[in-house]
N, C-alpha and C. Protein backbone atom coordinates (compact mmCIF):
# COMPACT_ATOMS: atom_id res chain seq x y z
N MET A 1 60.03 9.88 14.16
CA MET A 1 60.57 11.04 14.82
C MET A 1 59.78 11.33 16.10
N THR A 2 60.46 11.71 17.14
CA THR A 2 59.82 12.05 18.40
C THR A 2 58.96 13.30 18.21
N THR A 3 57.74 13.27 18.76
CA THR A 3 56.82 14.40 18.67
C THR A 3 56.22 14.66 20.06
N ILE A 4 55.47 15.75 20.15
CA ILE A 4 54.70 16.00 21.36
C ILE A 4 53.24 16.16 20.97
N ARG A 5 52.36 15.74 21.86
CA ARG A 5 50.93 15.92 21.65
C ARG A 5 50.31 16.35 22.97
N PRO A 6 49.17 17.04 22.92
CA PRO A 6 48.53 17.44 24.17
C PRO A 6 48.29 16.24 25.08
N MET A 7 48.56 16.44 26.36
CA MET A 7 48.39 15.37 27.33
C MET A 7 46.93 14.94 27.39
N ARG A 8 46.73 13.65 27.39
CA ARG A 8 45.39 13.10 27.52
C ARG A 8 45.00 13.08 29.00
N SER A 9 43.72 13.23 29.27
CA SER A 9 43.26 13.27 30.66
C SER A 9 43.63 12.00 31.41
N GLU A 10 43.65 10.86 30.74
CA GLU A 10 43.99 9.61 31.42
C GLU A 10 45.47 9.56 31.84
N SER A 11 46.30 10.39 31.27
CA SER A 11 47.72 10.45 31.66
C SER A 11 47.97 11.47 32.76
N TYR A 12 47.07 12.44 32.91
CA TYR A 12 47.33 13.59 33.78
C TYR A 12 47.54 13.22 35.25
N THR A 13 46.65 12.44 35.82
CA THR A 13 46.76 12.13 37.25
C THR A 13 48.07 11.43 37.58
N ALA A 14 48.43 10.42 36.81
CA ALA A 14 49.69 9.70 37.06
C ALA A 14 50.89 10.63 36.85
N TYR A 15 50.82 11.48 35.83
CA TYR A 15 51.91 12.43 35.60
C TYR A 15 52.09 13.35 36.80
N VAL A 16 51.01 13.96 37.27
CA VAL A 16 51.11 14.93 38.36
C VAL A 16 51.62 14.25 39.63
N GLU A 17 51.13 13.09 39.95
CA GLU A 17 51.59 12.40 41.16
C GLU A 17 53.09 12.12 41.09
N ALA A 18 53.57 11.64 39.96
CA ALA A 18 55.01 11.37 39.81
C ALA A 18 55.80 12.67 39.83
N ALA A 19 55.28 13.71 39.21
CA ALA A 19 55.98 14.99 39.15
C ALA A 19 56.08 15.62 40.54
N ILE A 20 55.06 15.49 41.36
CA ILE A 20 55.10 16.02 42.72
C ILE A 20 56.21 15.35 43.51
N VAL A 21 56.31 14.04 43.41
CA VAL A 21 57.36 13.30 44.11
C VAL A 21 58.73 13.72 43.59
N GLY A 22 58.88 13.81 42.27
CA GLY A 22 60.17 14.19 41.68
C GLY A 22 60.59 15.60 42.05
N TYR A 23 59.65 16.53 42.06
CA TYR A 23 59.96 17.92 42.39
C TYR A 23 60.36 18.05 43.86
N ALA A 24 59.68 17.32 44.72
CA ALA A 24 60.06 17.32 46.14
C ALA A 24 61.47 16.78 46.31
N ARG A 25 61.76 15.66 45.66
CA ARG A 25 63.09 15.05 45.76
C ARG A 25 64.18 15.99 45.24
N GLU A 26 63.94 16.63 44.10
CA GLU A 26 64.93 17.56 43.53
C GLU A 26 65.21 18.71 44.48
N ASN A 27 64.16 19.24 45.10
CA ASN A 27 64.35 20.35 46.03
C ASN A 27 65.08 19.93 47.30
N VAL A 28 64.82 18.73 47.77
CA VAL A 28 65.55 18.21 48.94
C VAL A 28 67.00 17.96 48.56
N ASP A 29 67.23 17.31 47.42
CA ASP A 29 68.60 17.03 46.98
C ASP A 29 69.41 18.30 46.76
N ALA A 30 68.74 19.37 46.33
CA ALA A 30 69.41 20.64 46.08
C ALA A 30 69.66 21.42 47.38
N GLY A 31 69.08 20.94 48.48
CA GLY A 31 69.25 21.63 49.75
C GLY A 31 68.30 22.79 49.94
N ARG A 32 67.34 22.95 49.07
CA ARG A 32 66.39 24.06 49.17
C ARG A 32 65.31 23.80 50.20
N TRP A 33 64.90 22.52 50.35
CA TRP A 33 63.82 22.16 51.25
C TRP A 33 64.28 21.05 52.19
N PRO A 34 63.78 21.04 53.42
CA PRO A 34 64.01 19.88 54.28
C PRO A 34 63.14 18.71 53.79
N ALA A 35 63.58 17.50 54.05
CA ALA A 35 62.80 16.34 53.62
C ALA A 35 61.42 16.32 54.28
N MET A 36 61.38 16.67 55.56
CA MET A 36 60.11 16.70 56.28
C MET A 36 59.20 17.75 55.66
N GLY A 37 58.07 17.32 55.18
CA GLY A 37 57.09 18.23 54.59
C GLY A 37 57.31 18.54 53.12
N SER A 38 58.33 17.95 52.51
CA SER A 38 58.63 18.29 51.12
C SER A 38 57.52 17.86 50.16
N LEU A 39 56.90 16.71 50.39
CA LEU A 39 55.82 16.29 49.51
C LEU A 39 54.62 17.22 49.61
N GLU A 40 54.30 17.64 50.82
CA GLU A 40 53.18 18.56 51.00
C GLU A 40 53.47 19.89 50.33
N ARG A 41 54.69 20.35 50.46
CA ARG A 41 55.08 21.63 49.85
C ARG A 41 55.02 21.53 48.32
N SER A 42 55.52 20.42 47.79
CA SER A 42 55.49 20.20 46.35
C SER A 42 54.05 20.14 45.85
N ARG A 43 53.22 19.40 46.56
CA ARG A 43 51.80 19.27 46.16
C ARG A 43 51.13 20.65 46.16
N ALA A 44 51.42 21.46 47.17
CA ALA A 44 50.84 22.81 47.23
C ALA A 44 51.29 23.65 46.04
N ASP A 45 52.55 23.53 45.65
CA ASP A 45 53.04 24.26 44.48
C ASP A 45 52.27 23.84 43.23
N PHE A 46 52.11 22.54 43.03
CA PHE A 46 51.40 22.06 41.84
C PHE A 46 49.95 22.51 41.86
N GLU A 47 49.30 22.43 43.02
CA GLU A 47 47.90 22.86 43.10
C GLU A 47 47.76 24.35 42.83
N SER A 48 48.76 25.12 43.24
CA SER A 48 48.74 26.56 42.99
C SER A 48 48.95 26.88 41.51
N LEU A 49 49.85 26.15 40.88
CA LEU A 49 50.18 26.43 39.48
C LEU A 49 49.19 25.82 38.49
N LEU A 50 48.57 24.72 38.86
CA LEU A 50 47.61 24.04 37.98
C LEU A 50 46.27 23.86 38.68
N PRO A 51 45.64 24.95 39.11
CA PRO A 51 44.40 24.81 39.89
C PRO A 51 43.26 24.14 39.12
N GLN A 52 43.29 24.22 37.80
CA GLN A 52 42.24 23.61 36.98
C GLN A 52 42.78 22.41 36.20
N GLY A 53 43.90 21.87 36.65
CA GLY A 53 44.48 20.72 35.98
C GLY A 53 44.81 21.03 34.53
N LEU A 54 44.45 20.13 33.65
CA LEU A 54 44.72 20.31 32.22
C LEU A 54 44.03 21.54 31.64
N ALA A 55 42.99 22.02 32.29
CA ALA A 55 42.24 23.17 31.78
C ALA A 55 42.77 24.50 32.32
N THR A 56 43.87 24.49 33.07
CA THR A 56 44.42 25.73 33.61
C THR A 56 44.85 26.63 32.46
N PRO A 57 44.29 27.85 32.41
CA PRO A 57 44.64 28.75 31.30
C PRO A 57 46.14 28.99 31.18
N GLU A 58 46.58 29.09 29.94
CA GLU A 58 47.97 29.41 29.58
C GLU A 58 48.98 28.34 29.97
N ASN A 59 48.51 27.19 30.43
CA ASN A 59 49.38 26.06 30.75
C ASN A 59 49.10 24.95 29.76
N HIS A 60 50.17 24.40 29.22
CA HIS A 60 50.05 23.38 28.18
C HIS A 60 50.90 22.19 28.59
N LEU A 61 50.24 21.06 28.72
CA LEU A 61 50.92 19.83 29.10
C LEU A 61 50.90 18.89 27.91
N TYR A 62 52.04 18.28 27.67
CA TYR A 62 52.21 17.43 26.50
C TYR A 62 52.76 16.07 26.90
N GLU A 63 52.43 15.08 26.09
CA GLU A 63 53.08 13.79 26.16
C GLU A 63 54.16 13.79 25.09
N ILE A 64 55.30 13.26 25.41
CA ILE A 64 56.38 13.10 24.43
C ILE A 64 56.22 11.70 23.85
N ILE A 65 56.10 11.65 22.53
CA ILE A 65 55.78 10.40 21.84
C ILE A 65 56.96 9.95 20.98
N SER A 66 57.36 8.70 21.16
CA SER A 66 58.47 8.13 20.40
C SER A 66 58.01 7.79 18.98
N PRO A 67 58.96 7.51 18.08
CA PRO A 67 58.58 7.14 16.71
C PRO A 67 57.67 5.92 16.64
N ASP A 68 57.74 5.02 17.64
CA ASP A 68 56.86 3.85 17.64
C ASP A 68 55.60 4.07 18.48
N ASP A 69 55.25 5.34 18.70
CA ASP A 69 53.99 5.76 19.32
C ASP A 69 53.88 5.41 20.81
N GLN A 70 55.00 5.36 21.51
CA GLN A 70 54.98 5.16 22.96
C GLN A 70 55.09 6.51 23.66
N VAL A 71 54.42 6.65 24.80
CA VAL A 71 54.60 7.83 25.64
C VAL A 71 55.91 7.63 26.40
N VAL A 72 56.90 8.47 26.07
CA VAL A 72 58.23 8.31 26.69
C VAL A 72 58.53 9.41 27.70
N GLY A 73 57.63 10.40 27.80
CA GLY A 73 57.86 11.46 28.77
C GLY A 73 56.78 12.52 28.69
N PHE A 74 57.04 13.62 29.42
CA PHE A 74 56.05 14.68 29.55
C PHE A 74 56.73 16.04 29.54
N LEU A 75 55.99 17.04 29.08
CA LEU A 75 56.48 18.41 29.01
C LEU A 75 55.35 19.34 29.45
N TRP A 76 55.69 20.26 30.36
CA TRP A 76 54.71 21.25 30.84
C TRP A 76 55.29 22.63 30.62
N VAL A 77 54.57 23.45 29.88
CA VAL A 77 55.00 24.82 29.59
C VAL A 77 53.85 25.78 29.82
N ALA A 78 54.18 26.94 30.32
CA ALA A 78 53.17 28.00 30.50
C ALA A 78 53.54 29.17 29.61
N ILE A 79 52.53 29.80 29.06
CA ILE A 79 52.73 31.04 28.31
C ILE A 79 52.47 32.18 29.29
N GLU A 80 53.48 33.02 29.46
CA GLU A 80 53.39 34.11 30.43
C GLU A 80 53.34 35.44 29.70
N ARG A 81 52.41 36.27 30.11
CA ARG A 81 52.22 37.59 29.50
C ARG A 81 52.42 38.63 30.61
N LYS A 82 53.56 39.31 30.57
CA LYS A 82 53.88 40.29 31.60
C LYS A 82 54.47 41.53 30.97
N HIS A 83 53.96 42.68 31.38
CA HIS A 83 54.51 43.97 30.96
C HIS A 83 54.61 44.08 29.43
N GLY A 84 53.63 43.54 28.74
CA GLY A 84 53.60 43.62 27.29
C GLY A 84 54.45 42.59 26.57
N ALA A 85 55.18 41.78 27.32
CA ALA A 85 56.03 40.75 26.72
C ALA A 85 55.37 39.38 26.88
N VAL A 86 55.63 38.51 25.93
CA VAL A 86 55.12 37.15 25.98
C VAL A 86 56.31 36.20 25.96
N SER A 87 56.33 35.30 26.93
CA SER A 87 57.41 34.30 26.97
C SER A 87 56.80 32.95 27.37
N ALA A 88 57.55 31.92 27.11
CA ALA A 88 57.14 30.59 27.53
C ALA A 88 58.06 30.18 28.68
N TYR A 89 57.51 29.43 29.61
CA TYR A 89 58.31 28.95 30.74
C TYR A 89 58.06 27.46 30.90
N ILE A 90 59.13 26.70 30.86
CA ILE A 90 59.04 25.25 31.02
C ILE A 90 59.05 24.94 32.51
N TYR A 91 57.95 24.40 32.99
CA TYR A 91 57.87 23.99 34.38
C TYR A 91 58.40 22.58 34.58
N ASP A 92 58.26 21.74 33.58
CA ASP A 92 58.71 20.36 33.75
C ASP A 92 58.99 19.73 32.40
N LEU A 93 60.07 18.99 32.36
CA LEU A 93 60.41 18.15 31.21
C LEU A 93 60.93 16.86 31.80
N GLU A 94 60.25 15.80 31.53
CA GLU A 94 60.63 14.51 32.10
C GLU A 94 60.56 13.44 31.03
N VAL A 95 61.67 12.74 30.85
CA VAL A 95 61.69 11.56 30.00
C VAL A 95 61.84 10.37 30.93
N LYS A 96 61.01 9.36 30.73
CA LYS A 96 61.07 8.17 31.58
C LYS A 96 62.47 7.56 31.53
N PRO A 97 62.97 7.08 32.66
CA PRO A 97 64.37 6.59 32.72
C PRO A 97 64.75 5.61 31.62
N GLU A 98 63.86 4.71 31.28
CA GLU A 98 64.19 3.69 30.28
C GLU A 98 64.28 4.24 28.85
N PHE A 99 63.88 5.50 28.65
CA PHE A 99 63.92 6.11 27.32
C PHE A 99 64.92 7.26 27.22
N ARG A 100 65.69 7.47 28.27
CA ARG A 100 66.63 8.60 28.28
C ARG A 100 67.83 8.33 27.39
N ARG A 101 68.50 9.44 27.02
CA ARG A 101 69.72 9.43 26.22
C ARG A 101 69.47 8.93 24.80
N ARG A 102 68.26 9.18 24.29
CA ARG A 102 67.90 8.79 22.91
C ARG A 102 67.44 9.99 22.08
N GLY A 103 67.57 11.19 22.63
CA GLY A 103 67.21 12.39 21.89
C GLY A 103 65.77 12.84 22.03
N HIS A 104 64.98 12.16 22.85
CA HIS A 104 63.57 12.53 22.99
C HIS A 104 63.40 13.93 23.57
N ALA A 105 64.14 14.25 24.62
CA ALA A 105 64.01 15.57 25.24
C ALA A 105 64.41 16.67 24.26
N MET A 106 65.49 16.45 23.54
CA MET A 106 65.95 17.45 22.57
C MET A 106 64.87 17.72 21.52
N ARG A 107 64.31 16.66 20.96
CA ARG A 107 63.30 16.85 19.93
C ARG A 107 62.01 17.44 20.49
N ALA A 108 61.67 17.11 21.74
CA ALA A 108 60.48 17.72 22.35
C ALA A 108 60.70 19.22 22.52
N LEU A 109 61.88 19.62 22.96
CA LEU A 109 62.18 21.04 23.12
C LEU A 109 62.18 21.76 21.77
N GLN A 110 62.69 21.11 20.75
CA GLN A 110 62.67 21.72 19.42
C GLN A 110 61.24 21.89 18.92
N SER A 111 60.38 20.91 19.17
CA SER A 111 58.96 21.03 18.79
C SER A 111 58.29 22.16 19.56
N LEU A 112 58.67 22.31 20.81
CA LEU A 112 58.08 23.36 21.63
C LEU A 112 58.38 24.75 21.08
N GLU A 113 59.53 24.93 20.49
CA GLU A 113 59.91 26.26 19.99
C GLU A 113 58.87 26.82 19.03
N SER A 114 58.40 26.03 18.09
CA SER A 114 57.42 26.55 17.13
C SER A 114 56.07 26.77 17.79
N ILE A 115 55.71 25.94 18.75
CA ILE A 115 54.45 26.11 19.46
C ILE A 115 54.48 27.40 20.27
N ALA A 116 55.59 27.64 20.97
CA ALA A 116 55.73 28.86 21.78
C ALA A 116 55.72 30.10 20.88
N ALA A 117 56.42 30.04 19.77
CA ALA A 117 56.45 31.18 18.86
C ALA A 117 55.05 31.46 18.31
N ALA A 118 54.30 30.41 17.99
CA ALA A 118 52.94 30.59 17.47
C ALA A 118 52.02 31.23 18.52
N ALA A 119 52.34 31.03 19.80
CA ALA A 119 51.56 31.64 20.89
C ALA A 119 52.01 33.07 21.16
N GLY A 120 53.01 33.55 20.40
CA GLY A 120 53.49 34.92 20.56
C GLY A 120 54.72 35.06 21.43
N ALA A 121 55.24 33.96 21.96
CA ALA A 121 56.41 34.03 22.83
C ALA A 121 57.66 34.41 22.05
N THR A 122 58.47 35.22 22.67
CA THR A 122 59.74 35.61 22.06
C THR A 122 60.93 34.93 22.75
N SER A 123 60.64 34.16 23.79
CA SER A 123 61.71 33.43 24.49
C SER A 123 61.10 32.26 25.25
N ILE A 124 61.98 31.35 25.64
CA ILE A 124 61.60 30.22 26.49
C ILE A 124 62.56 30.21 27.66
N GLY A 125 62.01 30.15 28.86
CA GLY A 125 62.82 30.08 30.07
C GLY A 125 62.57 28.79 30.82
N LEU A 126 63.44 28.51 31.76
CA LEU A 126 63.30 27.31 32.59
C LEU A 126 64.24 27.42 33.76
N ASN A 127 64.05 26.56 34.74
CA ASN A 127 64.98 26.41 35.85
C ASN A 127 65.54 25.01 35.76
N VAL A 128 66.82 24.87 36.00
CA VAL A 128 67.42 23.55 36.06
C VAL A 128 68.23 23.48 37.35
N PHE A 129 68.06 22.41 38.09
CA PHE A 129 68.78 22.26 39.34
C PHE A 129 70.27 22.07 39.07
N ALA A 130 71.08 22.61 39.94
CA ALA A 130 72.53 22.59 39.76
C ALA A 130 73.07 21.17 39.64
N GLN A 131 72.48 20.22 40.34
CA GLN A 131 72.99 18.85 40.31
C GLN A 131 72.63 18.10 39.04
N ASN A 132 71.85 18.71 38.16
CA ASN A 132 71.41 18.03 36.94
C ASN A 132 72.29 18.45 35.75
N ALA A 133 73.52 17.98 35.76
CA ALA A 133 74.50 18.36 34.73
C ALA A 133 74.07 17.90 33.34
N GLN A 134 73.45 16.75 33.22
CA GLN A 134 73.02 16.26 31.90
C GLN A 134 71.99 17.20 31.28
N ALA A 135 71.03 17.64 32.07
CA ALA A 135 70.02 18.56 31.54
C ALA A 135 70.67 19.89 31.17
N GLN A 136 71.58 20.38 31.98
CA GLN A 136 72.25 21.63 31.67
C GLN A 136 72.99 21.53 30.33
N ALA A 137 73.64 20.40 30.11
CA ALA A 137 74.37 20.21 28.85
C ALA A 137 73.40 20.21 27.66
N LEU A 138 72.26 19.57 27.82
CA LEU A 138 71.25 19.55 26.75
C LEU A 138 70.77 20.97 26.45
N TYR A 139 70.44 21.72 27.48
CA TYR A 139 69.94 23.07 27.27
C TYR A 139 70.99 23.95 26.59
N ARG A 140 72.23 23.82 27.00
CA ARG A 140 73.30 24.60 26.35
C ARG A 140 73.41 24.24 24.87
N ARG A 141 73.35 22.94 24.54
CA ARG A 141 73.41 22.52 23.13
C ARG A 141 72.30 23.15 22.31
N LEU A 142 71.15 23.39 22.94
CA LEU A 142 70.00 23.95 22.23
C LEU A 142 69.97 25.47 22.26
N GLY A 143 71.00 26.09 22.83
CA GLY A 143 71.09 27.55 22.81
C GLY A 143 70.59 28.27 24.04
N TYR A 144 70.21 27.54 25.08
CA TYR A 144 69.81 28.19 26.33
C TYR A 144 71.05 28.69 27.04
N VAL A 145 70.92 29.85 27.67
CA VAL A 145 72.04 30.44 28.42
C VAL A 145 71.57 30.79 29.83
N PRO A 146 72.47 30.72 30.81
CA PRO A 146 72.09 31.09 32.17
C PRO A 146 71.74 32.57 32.25
N THR A 147 70.73 32.89 33.04
CA THR A 147 70.36 34.28 33.25
C THR A 147 70.63 34.72 34.68
N ASN A 148 70.74 33.77 35.59
CA ASN A 148 71.11 34.07 36.96
C ASN A 148 71.55 32.77 37.64
N VAL A 149 72.22 32.90 38.75
CA VAL A 149 72.68 31.74 39.50
C VAL A 149 72.26 31.94 40.95
N ASN A 150 71.46 31.02 41.47
CA ASN A 150 71.11 31.05 42.89
C ASN A 150 72.17 30.27 43.64
N MET A 151 72.60 30.78 44.76
CA MET A 151 73.61 30.10 45.55
C MET A 151 73.07 29.85 46.95
N TYR A 152 73.69 28.90 47.63
CA TYR A 152 73.17 28.41 48.89
C TYR A 152 74.34 27.99 49.75
N LYS A 153 74.29 28.26 51.03
CA LYS A 153 75.30 27.80 51.97
C LYS A 153 74.59 27.31 53.22
N PRO A 154 74.69 26.03 53.52
CA PRO A 154 74.09 25.55 54.76
C PRO A 154 74.94 26.01 55.95
N LEU A 155 74.28 26.34 57.03
CA LEU A 155 74.99 26.78 58.23
C LEU A 155 75.00 25.65 59.26
N ALA A 156 76.13 25.49 59.90
CA ALA A 156 76.26 24.47 60.94
C ALA A 156 75.41 24.88 62.13
N ARG A 157 74.77 23.92 62.75
CA ARG A 157 73.97 24.20 63.92
C ARG A 157 74.86 24.07 65.15
N GLU A 158 74.74 25.02 66.02
CA GLU A 158 75.50 24.97 67.26
C GLU A 158 74.72 24.14 68.26
N ASN A 159 75.46 23.32 68.99
CA ASN A 159 74.83 22.54 70.05
C ASN A 159 74.57 23.44 71.25
N ALA A 160 73.36 23.48 71.70
CA ALA A 160 73.02 24.36 72.84
C ALA A 160 73.02 23.62 74.14
């Protein structure tokens, strides 16, 4: 059965580097960021959110482990305590391309539920990019519901 375990330090650097590239690409593809400077912007976001790496308080990074003990992906969740409420927020869920569509993400999310509840969380939130229909379908199957919709309209540039 697919499980999650705390990320090992030897996995962290490679994970973060790949995640920075992926996050930049997703934001460019979504039209939120221009391609120029997207890697720098993504890196700054990661450095801001994980200033102490694996030791950043209230942030938990996991390796997703297949039944045959392979690392098939990664999960990053933060426990947020605001206004007396405790919630979990998924910053990243990534299954390596060669292991996708095998249920690993679903089982990792199910494992996360008990971990988040044990930390006092009463909910789990996340952001999913509009172009990621497969992830949206997975989240809906697991009971996640939209809480807001961000919209975007690019404006044509006038030739001066």
